[in-house]
Amino acid sequence: MRRHITQSVALRTGIPIDDVDAAARSLSQTGTWTDDPKRALTFLLLALFANAEPRSAASVAKHYWQLESDSGKPLGQMIEDILQSFQEQQRTDFSAIAYRAAFEIFDSTTPAAVLRIPCTDRATEIVYRDEQAWNDRTVRRSNFISGKQLFDIAADITLNRWNGEDLGLYTKSA
């Protein structure tokens, strides 16, 4: 399963497969690559987009996963909810908005993320941050992951695009 996820992430994000594999391997070695594939994929994406070194991928991913918005919802849970809505092919306002939205993930020296949701006359932002680190005025770098990229990754896995196998990333409950 890990191989299928890493292939899709590399293909859809443009991150070199060696970098994706190194982060995934690190997550596996630390036990962070869980049996819950949505969680494993979310940890992988957070580590990669936060520019984590492979040796610190697990700690960086966990820290980012736990960043909360003002509403108290963790960043990782939001990404997992989006992936779930895409996998289930939900035709809801949430999935339509998520498809057009984008996450800006700030590098690991300034742990924060912003979810930008396009609206009619402007964009709405949901900010996930560690208040103390966010207020530090150091130089910040960031990477973007779009809702469309999340959709494409979920589709790759759901539609079994790798070797015709059932990748088992998502299972529907009865």
C-alpha atoms as a PDB file:
ATOM      1  CA  MET A   1       0.000   0.000   0.000  1.00  0.00           C
ATOM      2  CA  ARG A   2       2.805   2.426   0.860  1.00  0.00           C
ATOM      3  CA  ARG A   3       4.289   2.105  -2.620  1.00  0.00           C
ATOM      4  CA  HIS A   4       0.983   3.018  -4.254  1.00  0.00           C
ATOM      5  CA  ILE A   5       0.543   6.076  -2.081  1.00  0.00           C
ATOM      6  CA  THR A   6       4.094   7.301  -2.653  1.00  0.00           C
ATOM      7  CA  GLN A   7       3.758   6.869  -6.420  1.00  0.00           C
ATOM      8  CA  SER A   8       0.551   8.881  -6.489  1.00  0.00           C
ATOM      9  CA  VAL A   9       1.944  11.619  -4.251  1.00  0.00           C
ATOM     10  CA  ALA A  10       5.067  11.962  -6.410  1.00  0.00           C
ATOM     11  CA  LEU A  11       3.035  12.001  -9.617  1.00  0.00           C
ATOM     12  CA  ARG A  12       0.442  14.521  -8.434  1.00  0.00           C
ATOM     13  CA  THR A  13       2.708  16.903  -6.525  1.00  0.00           C
ATOM     14  CA  GLY A  14       5.857  16.847  -8.655  1.00  0.00           C
ATOM     15  CA  ILE A  15       7.987  15.971  -5.617  1.00  0.00           C
ATOM     16  CA  PRO A  16      10.760  13.554  -6.651  1.00  0.00           C
ATOM     17  CA  ILE A  17       9.880   9.936  -5.869  1.00  0.00           C
ATOM     18  CA  ASP A  18      13.132   9.494  -3.911  1.00  0.00           C
ATOM     19  CA  ASP A  19      12.139  12.312  -1.541  1.00  0.00           C
ATOM     20  CA  VAL A  20       8.617  10.918  -1.144  1.00  0.00           C
ATOM     21  CA  ASP A  21      10.010   7.409  -0.487  1.00  0.00           C
ATOM     22  CA  ALA A  22      12.507   8.733   2.069  1.00  0.00           C
ATOM     23  CA  ALA A  23       9.771  10.518   4.018  1.00  0.00           C
ATOM     24  CA  ALA A  24       7.449   7.492   3.839  1.00  0.00           C
ATOM     25  CA  ARG A  25      10.242   5.174   4.974  1.00  0.00           C
ATOM     26  CA  SER A  26      10.956   7.454   7.934  1.00  0.00           C
ATOM     27  CA  LEU A  27       7.274   7.540   8.877  1.00  0.00           C
ATOM     28  CA  SER A  28       7.184   3.721   8.721  1.00  0.00           C
ATOM     29  CA  GLN A  29      10.319   3.298  10.813  1.00  0.00           C
ATOM     30  CA  THR A  30       8.933   5.514  13.573  1.00  0.00           C
ATOM     31  CA  GLY A  31       5.529   3.813  13.556  1.00  0.00           C
ATOM     32  CA  THR A  32       3.822   6.963  12.313  1.00  0.00           C
ATOM     33  CA  TRP A  33       2.710   5.255   9.086  1.00  0.00           C
ATOM     34  CA  THR A  34      -0.474   3.889  10.586  1.00  0.00           C
ATOM     35  CA  ASP A  35      -2.959   1.236   9.537  1.00  0.00           C
ATOM     36  CA  ASP A  36      -5.349   4.105   8.804  1.00  0.00           C
ATOM     37  CA  PRO A  37      -4.303   4.986   5.245  1.00  0.00           C
ATOM     38  CA  LYS A  38      -5.933   8.441   5.335  1.00  0.00           C
ATOM     39  CA  ARG A  39      -3.834   9.289   8.383  1.00  0.00           C
ATOM     40  CA  ALA A  40      -0.659   7.878   6.820  1.00  0.00           C
ATOM     41  CA  LEU A  41      -1.239   9.861   3.621  1.00  0.00           C
ATOM     42  CA  THR A  42      -1.960  13.033   5.600  1.00  0.00           C
ATOM     43  CA  PHE A  43       1.229  12.627   7.660  1.00  0.00           C
ATOM     44  CA  LEU A  44       3.217  12.074   4.465  1.00  0.00           C
ATOM     45  CA  LEU A  45       1.808  15.168   2.766  1.00  0.00           C
ATOM     46  CA  LEU A  46       2.375  17.338   5.839  1.00  0.00           C
ATOM     47  CA  ALA A  47       5.993  16.185   6.219  1.00  0.00           C
ATOM     48  CA  LEU A  48       6.722  16.770   2.546  1.00  0.00           C
ATOM     49  CA  PHE A  49       5.049  20.175   2.256  1.00  0.00           C
ATOM     50  CA  ALA A  50       6.649  21.390   5.496  1.00  0.00           C
ATOM     51  CA  ASN A  51      10.065  20.571   3.984  1.00  0.00           C
ATOM     52  CA  ALA A  52      10.864  18.159   6.801  1.00  0.00           C
ATOM     53  CA  GLU A  53      14.141  16.285   6.653  1.00  0.00           C
ATOM     54  CA  PRO A  54      13.472  12.548   6.397  1.00  0.00           C
ATOM     55  CA  ARG A  55      14.857  11.913   9.878  1.00  0.00           C
ATOM     56  CA  SER A  56      12.376  14.382  11.400  1.00  0.00           C
ATOM     57  CA  ALA A  57       9.408  13.632   9.123  1.00  0.00           C
ATOM     58  CA  ALA A  58       7.375  11.964  11.878  1.00  0.00           C
ATOM     59  CA  SER A  59       7.766  14.677  14.487  1.00  0.00           C
ATOM     60  CA  VAL A  60       7.150  17.464  11.976  1.00  0.00           C
ATOM     61  CA  ALA A  61       4.078  15.722  10.528  1.00  0.00           C
ATOM     62  CA  LYS A  62       2.603  15.099  13.987  1.00  0.00           C
ATOM     63  CA  HIS A  63       3.179  18.713  14.974  1.00  0.00           C
ATOM     64  CA  TYR A  64       1.486  20.006  11.824  1.00  0.00           C
ATOM     65  CA  TRP A  65      -1.374  17.509  12.126  1.00  0.00           C
ATOM     66  CA  GLN A  66      -2.181  18.940  15.566  1.00  0.00           C
ATOM     67  CA  LEU A  67      -2.161  22.630  14.568  1.00  0.00           C
ATOM     68  CA  GLU A  68      -5.628  23.977  15.269  1.00  0.00           C
ATOM     69  CA  SER A  69      -7.732  26.647  13.665  1.00  0.00           C
ATOM     70  CA  ASP A  70      -9.704  29.127  15.747  1.00  0.00           C
ATOM     71  CA  SER A  71     -12.597  26.648  15.678  1.00  0.00           C
ATOM     72  CA  GLY A  72     -10.385  24.015  17.303  1.00  0.00           C
ATOM     73  CA  LYS A  73     -10.296  21.604  14.356  1.00  0.00           C
ATOM     74  CA  PRO A  74      -6.808  20.182  13.712  1.00  0.00           C
ATOM     75  CA  LEU A  75      -5.206  20.687  10.309  1.00  0.00           C
ATOM     76  CA  GLY A  76      -4.697  16.959   9.853  1.00  0.00           C
ATOM     77  CA  GLN A  77      -8.351  16.233  10.525  1.00  0.00           C
ATOM     78  CA  MET A  78      -9.389  18.790   7.893  1.00  0.00           C
ATOM     79  CA  ILE A  79      -7.150  17.148   5.275  1.00  0.00           C
ATOM     80  CA  GLU A  80      -8.480  13.697   6.195  1.00  0.00           C
ATOM     81  CA  ASP A  81     -12.076  14.936   5.936  1.00  0.00           C
ATOM     82  CA  ILE A  82     -11.354  16.332   2.468  1.00  0.00           C
ATOM     83  CA  LEU A  83      -9.736  13.095   1.325  1.00  0.00           C
ATOM     84  CA  GLN A  84     -12.691  11.111   2.679  1.00  0.00           C
ATOM     85  CA  SER A  85     -15.217  13.298   0.850  1.00  0.00           C
ATOM     86  CA  PHE A  86     -13.317  12.838  -2.422  1.00  0.00           C
ATOM     87  CA  GLN A  87     -12.961   9.094  -1.963  1.00  0.00           C
ATOM     88  CA  GLU A  88     -16.657   8.688  -1.266  1.00  0.00           C
ATOM     89  CA  GLN A  89     -17.398  10.816  -4.331  1.00  0.00           C
ATOM     90  CA  GLN A  90     -19.622  13.033  -2.251  1.00  0.00           C
ATOM     91  CA  ARG A  91     -21.539  15.663  -4.171  1.00  0.00           C
ATOM     92  CA  THR A  92     -21.778  18.158  -1.341  1.00  0.00           C
ATOM     93  CA  ASP A  93     -20.989  21.823  -0.829  1.00  0.00           C
ATOM     94  CA  PHE A  94     -18.025  20.720   1.314  1.00  0.00           C
ATOM     95  CA  SER A  95     -16.461  18.588  -1.438  1.00  0.00           C
ATOM     96  CA  ALA A  96     -17.080  21.277  -4.091  1.00  0.00           C
ATOM     97  CA  ILE A  97     -15.433  23.932  -1.933  1.00  0.00           C
ATOM     98  CA  ALA A  98     -12.571  21.591  -0.981  1.00  0.00           C
ATOM     99  CA  TYR A  99     -11.819  20.945  -4.653  1.00  0.00           C
ATOM    100  CA  ARG A 100     -11.306  24.672  -5.279  1.00  0.00           C
ATOM    101  CA  ALA A 101      -9.463  25.349  -2.015  1.00  0.00           C
ATOM    102  CA  ALA A 102      -5.712  25.240  -1.393  1.00  0.00           C
ATOM    103  CA  PHE A 103      -3.521  24.726   1.647  1.00  0.00           C
ATOM    104  CA  GLU A 104      -0.427  26.842   2.105  1.00  0.00           C
ATOM    105  CA  ILE A 105       1.949  24.916   4.354  1.00  0.00           C
ATOM    106  CA  PHE A 106       4.698  27.040   5.912  1.00  0.00           C
ATOM    107  CA  ASP A 107       8.099  25.446   6.403  1.00  0.00           C
ATOM    108  CA  SER A 108       8.988  23.611   9.571  1.00  0.00           C
ATOM    109  CA  THR A 109      10.771  26.603  11.151  1.00  0.00           C
ATOM    110  CA  THR A 110       7.389  28.389  11.279  1.00  0.00           C
ATOM    111  CA  PRO A 111       4.793  25.663  11.810  1.00  0.00           C
ATOM    112  CA  ALA A 112       1.606  27.010  10.300  1.00  0.00           C
ATOM    113  CA  ALA A 113      -0.823  26.474   7.465  1.00  0.00           C
ATOM    114  CA  VAL A 114      -3.546  28.495   5.817  1.00  0.00           C
ATOM    115  CA  LEU A 115      -6.538  27.001   4.039  1.00  0.00           C
ATOM    116  CA  ARG A 116      -7.706  29.428   1.355  1.00  0.00           C
ATOM    117  CA  ILE A 117     -11.243  29.015   0.121  1.00  0.00           C
ATOM    118  CA  PRO A 118     -12.218  31.042  -2.949  1.00  0.00           C
ATOM    119  CA  CYS A 119     -15.455  32.975  -2.604  1.00  0.00           C
ATOM    120  CA  THR A 120     -17.369  35.218  -4.994  1.00  0.00           C
ATOM    121  CA  ASP A 121     -15.519  38.455  -4.268  1.00  0.00           C
ATOM    122  CA  ARG A 122     -12.552  37.340  -2.158  1.00  0.00           C
ATOM    123  CA  ALA A 123     -10.977  34.343  -0.453  1.00  0.00           C
ATOM    124  CA  THR A 124     -11.788  33.164   3.040  1.00  0.00           C
ATOM    125  CA  GLU A 125      -8.861  31.925   5.112  1.00  0.00           C
ATOM    126  CA  ILE A 126      -8.683  29.408   7.923  1.00  0.00           C
ATOM    127  CA  VAL A 127      -5.373  29.716   9.746  1.00  0.00           C
ATOM    128  CA  TYR A 128      -3.730  26.805  11.590  1.00  0.00           C
ATOM    129  CA  ARG A 129      -0.788  27.875  13.703  1.00  0.00           C
ATOM    130  CA  ASP A 130       1.293  27.616  16.809  1.00  0.00           C
ATOM    131  CA  GLU A 131       0.731  31.162  18.086  1.00  0.00           C
ATOM    132  CA  GLN A 132       4.243  31.636  19.475  1.00  0.00           C
ATOM    133  CA  ALA A 133       6.001  30.436  16.308  1.00  0.00           C
ATOM    134  CA  TRP A 134       3.627  32.375  14.060  1.00  0.00           C
ATOM    135  CA  ASN A 135       4.410  35.658  15.804  1.00  0.00           C
ATOM    136  CA  ASP A 136       8.154  35.161  15.256  1.00  0.00           C
ATOM    137  CA  ARG A 137       9.132  37.460  12.379  1.00  0.00           C
ATOM    138  CA  THR A 138      11.691  35.144  10.785  1.00  0.00           C
ATOM    139  CA  VAL A 139      11.771  34.578   7.041  1.00  0.00           C
ATOM    140  CA  ARG A 140       9.030  32.175   6.023  1.00  0.00           C
ATOM    141  CA  ARG A 141       8.812  29.808   3.091  1.00  0.00           C
ATOM    142  CA  SER A 142       5.749  27.857   2.106  1.00  0.00           C
ATOM    143  CA  ASN A 143       4.423  25.250  -0.286  1.00  0.00           C
ATOM    144  CA  PHE A 144       0.923  24.866  -1.682  1.00  0.00           C
ATOM    145  CA  ILE A 145      -1.212  21.776  -2.056  1.00  0.00           C
ATOM    146  CA  SER A 146      -4.468  22.296  -3.867  1.00  0.00           C
ATOM    147  CA  GLY A 147      -7.774  20.615  -3.389  1.00  0.00           C
ATOM    148  CA  LYS A 148      -7.427  19.323  -6.938  1.00  0.00           C
ATOM    149  CA  GLN A 149      -4.140  17.607  -6.041  1.00  0.00           C
ATOM    150  CA  LEU A 150      -5.816  15.977  -3.026  1.00  0.00           C
ATOM    151  CA  PHE A 151      -8.694  14.951  -5.302  1.00  0.00           C
ATOM    152  CA  ASP A 152      -6.308  13.420  -7.860  1.00  0.00           C
ATOM    153  CA  ILE A 153      -4.395  11.484  -5.189  1.00  0.00           C
ATOM    154  CA  ALA A 154      -7.644  10.164  -3.700  1.00  0.00           C
ATOM    155  CA  ALA A 155      -8.855   9.229  -7.203  1.00  0.00           C
ATOM    156  CA  ASP A 156      -5.610   7.403  -8.028  1.00  0.00           C
ATOM    157  CA  ILE A 157      -5.950   5.318  -4.936  1.00  0.00           C
ATOM    158  CA  THR A 158      -9.704   4.826  -5.058  1.00  0.00           C
ATOM    159  CA  LEU A 159      -9.790   3.931  -8.752  1.00  0.00           C
ATOM    160  CA  ASN A 160      -6.947   1.441  -8.337  1.00  0.00           C
ATOM    161  CA  ARG A 161      -4.700   3.048 -10.933  1.00  0.00           C
ATOM    162  CA  TRP A 162      -1.547   1.276  -9.828  1.00  0.00           C
ATOM    163  CA  ASN A 163      -1.142  -2.222 -11.255  1.00  0.00           C
ATOM    164  CA  GLY A 164      -4.876  -2.825 -11.182  1.00  0.00           C
ATOM    165  CA  GLU A 165      -4.705  -3.668  -7.493  1.00  0.00           C
ATOM    166  CA  ASP A 166      -7.186  -2.711  -4.828  1.00  0.00           C
ATOM    167  CA  LEU A 167      -4.987  -0.345  -2.855  1.00  0.00           C
ATOM    168  CA  GLY A 168      -7.187  -0.491   0.220  1.00  0.00           C
ATOM    169  CA  LEU A 169      -6.613   3.152   1.115  1.00  0.00           C
ATOM    170  CA  TYR A 170     -10.228   3.721   1.909  1.00  0.00           C
ATOM    171  CA  THR A 171     -12.867   1.332   3.040  1.00  0.00           C
ATOM    172  CA  LYS A 172     -16.524   2.208   3.250  1.00  0.00           C
ATOM    173  CA  SER A 173     -18.231   1.301   6.465  1.00  0.00           C
ATOM    174  CA  ALA A 174     -21.384  -0.747   6.266  1.00  0.00           C
END
